[in-house]
Amino acid sequence: MKETFIAVAVGAKTLLLTAEEVRTGVARAASMGLVEATQNVTSAVPSERWLNSRELSELTGIGDTSLEAMARDNRIPSIRVGSRALRFKFSEVEAALRKAVG
């Protein structure tokens, strides 16, 4: 799958962000009251991408080795790419974690 990047101008610099980074940034800014999240902003972002364990760890605060162990134990959904690499979808992992908690 080809990665999609969105160019965002910040002062004199241009940042290239993934769709997930844009979605996460808008959600964080909205939760802090800095912007008003609208359906137009989030729907303009392409569908969710697969994350590696490090990226998922940054979003969840759960260590990457713990996430990998949870995937091996089938406690969270994942796919294996090649012989070693795991990939996760944040929304699926979040739903599994919420279900496990109660």
C-alpha atoms as a PDB file:
ATOM      1  CA  MET A   1       0.000   0.000   0.000  1.00  0.00           C
ATOM      2  CA  LYS A   2       1.334   3.406  -0.957  1.00  0.00           C
ATOM      3  CA  GLU A   3       1.723   5.851   1.959  1.00  0.00           C
ATOM      4  CA  THR A   4      -0.142   9.159   1.614  1.00  0.00           C
ATOM      5  CA  PHE A   5       1.444  12.354   2.871  1.00  0.00           C
ATOM      6  CA  ILE A   6      -0.145  15.730   3.453  1.00  0.00           C
ATOM      7  CA  ALA A   7       1.953  18.895   3.193  1.00  0.00           C
ATOM      8  CA  VAL A   8       1.342  21.358   6.019  1.00  0.00           C
ATOM      9  CA  ALA A   9       2.905  24.819   5.971  1.00  0.00           C
ATOM     10  CA  VAL A  10       4.234  25.943   9.359  1.00  0.00           C
ATOM     11  CA  GLY A  11       5.815  29.355   9.078  1.00  0.00           C
ATOM     12  CA  ALA A  12       8.596  29.120   6.501  1.00  0.00           C
ATOM     13  CA  LYS A  13       8.767  25.336   6.741  1.00  0.00           C
ATOM     14  CA  THR A  14       6.649  22.612   5.184  1.00  0.00           C
ATOM     15  CA  LEU A  15       5.984  19.414   7.092  1.00  0.00           C
ATOM     16  CA  LEU A  16       5.019  16.156   5.400  1.00  0.00           C
ATOM     17  CA  LEU A  17       2.573  14.306   7.643  1.00  0.00           C
ATOM     18  CA  THR A  18       0.874  10.972   7.249  1.00  0.00           C
ATOM     19  CA  ALA A  19      -2.901  10.863   7.300  1.00  0.00           C
ATOM     20  CA  GLU A  20      -2.824   9.282  10.761  1.00  0.00           C
ATOM     21  CA  GLU A  21      -0.565  12.073  12.072  1.00  0.00           C
ATOM     22  CA  VAL A  22      -3.026  14.671  10.780  1.00  0.00           C
ATOM     23  CA  ARG A  23      -5.971  12.826  12.322  1.00  0.00           C
ATOM     24  CA  THR A  24      -4.164  12.449  15.659  1.00  0.00           C
ATOM     25  CA  GLY A  25      -3.026  16.064  15.664  1.00  0.00           C
ATOM     26  CA  VAL A  26      -6.528  17.381  14.979  1.00  0.00           C
ATOM     27  CA  ALA A  27      -7.955  15.176  17.726  1.00  0.00           C
ATOM     28  CA  ARG A  28      -5.318  16.325  20.239  1.00  0.00           C
ATOM     29  CA  ALA A  29      -5.797  19.983  19.357  1.00  0.00           C
ATOM     30  CA  ALA A  30      -9.577  19.606  19.646  1.00  0.00           C
ATOM     31  CA  SER A  31      -9.260  17.911  23.041  1.00  0.00           C
ATOM     32  CA  MET A  32      -7.175  20.873  24.231  1.00  0.00           C
ATOM     33  CA  GLY A  33      -9.735  23.339  22.887  1.00  0.00           C
ATOM     34  CA  LEU A  34      -7.314  24.772  20.339  1.00  0.00           C
ATOM     35  CA  VAL A  35      -9.396  23.941  17.278  1.00  0.00           C
ATOM     36  CA  GLU A  36     -12.857  22.702  16.545  1.00  0.00           C
ATOM     37  CA  ALA A  37     -12.700  19.296  14.898  1.00  0.00           C
ATOM     38  CA  THR A  38     -15.087  19.123  11.982  1.00  0.00           C
ATOM     39  CA  GLN A  39     -16.235  16.219   9.877  1.00  0.00           C
ATOM     40  CA  ASN A  40     -14.685  17.902   6.826  1.00  0.00           C
ATOM     41  CA  VAL A  41     -11.210  17.846   8.349  1.00  0.00           C
ATOM     42  CA  THR A  42     -11.285  14.217   9.420  1.00  0.00           C
ATOM     43  CA  SER A  43     -13.146  12.880   6.402  1.00  0.00           C
ATOM     44  CA  ALA A  44     -10.615  14.480   4.065  1.00  0.00           C
ATOM     45  CA  VAL A  45      -7.929  12.234   5.556  1.00  0.00           C
ATOM     46  CA  PRO A  46      -7.486   8.858   3.827  1.00  0.00           C
ATOM     47  CA  SER A  47      -8.404   5.636   5.615  1.00  0.00           C
ATOM     48  CA  GLU A  48      -6.433   4.360   8.557  1.00  0.00           C
ATOM     49  CA  ARG A  49      -2.987   2.920   7.879  1.00  0.00           C
ATOM     50  CA  TRP A  50      -1.205  -0.029   9.441  1.00  0.00           C
ATOM     51  CA  LEU A  51       1.157   0.884  12.298  1.00  0.00           C
ATOM     52  CA  ASN A  52       4.266  -0.880  13.504  1.00  0.00           C
ATOM     53  CA  SER A  53       4.642  -1.653  17.220  1.00  0.00           C
ATOM     54  CA  ARG A  54       6.750   1.462  17.904  1.00  0.00           C
ATOM     55  CA  GLU A  55       4.162   3.768  16.324  1.00  0.00           C
ATOM     56  CA  LEU A  56       1.337   2.049  18.203  1.00  0.00           C
ATOM     57  CA  SER A  57       3.340   2.311  21.417  1.00  0.00           C
ATOM     58  CA  GLU A  58       3.630   6.083  20.959  1.00  0.00           C
ATOM     59  CA  LEU A  59      -0.153   6.374  20.576  1.00  0.00           C
ATOM     60  CA  THR A  60      -1.161   4.028  23.410  1.00  0.00           C
ATOM     61  CA  GLY A  61       1.620   4.472  25.950  1.00  0.00           C
ATOM     62  CA  ILE A  62       2.043   0.671  26.068  1.00  0.00           C
ATOM     63  CA  GLY A  63       5.585  -0.585  25.442  1.00  0.00           C
ATOM     64  CA  ASP A  64       6.252  -1.998  21.990  1.00  0.00           C
ATOM     65  CA  THR A  65       7.463  -5.346  23.358  1.00  0.00           C
ATOM     66  CA  SER A  66       4.299  -5.601  25.473  1.00  0.00           C
ATOM     67  CA  LEU A  67       2.177  -4.902  22.388  1.00  0.00           C
ATOM     68  CA  GLU A  68       4.036  -7.595  20.453  1.00  0.00           C
ATOM     69  CA  ALA A  69       3.468 -10.087  23.297  1.00  0.00           C
ATOM     70  CA  MET A  70      -0.241  -9.166  23.414  1.00  0.00           C
ATOM     71  CA  ALA A  71      -0.447  -9.780  19.652  1.00  0.00           C
ATOM     72  CA  ARG A  72       1.296 -13.164  19.959  1.00  0.00           C
ATOM     73  CA  ASP A  73      -1.225 -14.104  22.703  1.00  0.00           C
ATOM     74  CA  ASN A  74      -4.112 -12.953  20.433  1.00  0.00           C
ATOM     75  CA  ARG A  75      -5.198 -10.330  22.983  1.00  0.00           C
ATOM     76  CA  ILE A  76      -5.008  -7.573  20.356  1.00  0.00           C
ATOM     77  CA  PRO A  77      -5.536  -7.858  16.582  1.00  0.00           C
ATOM     78  CA  SER A  78      -2.522  -7.704  14.295  1.00  0.00           C
ATOM     79  CA  ILE A  79      -1.177  -9.002  11.027  1.00  0.00           C
ATOM     80  CA  ARG A  80       2.252 -10.433  10.335  1.00  0.00           C
ATOM     81  CA  VAL A  81       4.220  -8.979   7.423  1.00  0.00           C
ATOM     82  CA  GLY A  82       6.967 -11.316   6.352  1.00  0.00           C
ATOM     83  CA  SER A  83       8.417 -13.612   8.975  1.00  0.00           C
ATOM     84  CA  ARG A  84       8.775 -11.132  11.840  1.00  0.00           C
ATOM     85  CA  ALA A  85       7.120  -7.733  11.375  1.00  0.00           C
ATOM     86  CA  LEU A  86       3.749  -7.080  13.010  1.00  0.00           C
ATOM     87  CA  ARG A  87       1.322  -4.375  11.913  1.00  0.00           C
ATOM     88  CA  PHE A  88      -1.658  -2.983  13.800  1.00  0.00           C
ATOM     89  CA  LYS A  89      -4.656  -0.742  13.127  1.00  0.00           C
ATOM     90  CA  PHE A  90      -5.130   1.684  15.995  1.00  0.00           C
ATOM     91  CA  SER A  91      -8.932   1.555  15.911  1.00  0.00           C
ATOM     92  CA  GLU A  92      -8.947  -2.265  16.133  1.00  0.00           C
ATOM     93  CA  VAL A  93      -6.438  -2.346  18.999  1.00  0.00           C
ATOM     94  CA  GLU A  94      -8.293   0.416  20.834  1.00  0.00           C
ATOM     95  CA  ALA A  95     -11.572  -1.525  20.542  1.00  0.00           C
ATOM     96  CA  ALA A  96      -9.911  -4.731  21.814  1.00  0.00           C
ATOM     97  CA  LEU A  97      -8.368  -2.907  24.772  1.00  0.00           C
ATOM     98  CA  ARG A  98     -11.667  -1.229  25.672  1.00  0.00           C
ATOM     99  CA  LYS A  99     -13.444  -4.596  25.499  1.00  0.00           C
ATOM    100  CA  ALA A 100     -10.792  -6.208  27.720  1.00  0.00           C
ATOM    101  CA  VAL A 101     -11.085  -3.456  30.339  1.00  0.00           C
ATOM    102  CA  GLY A 102     -14.810  -3.722  30.600  1.00  0.00           C
END
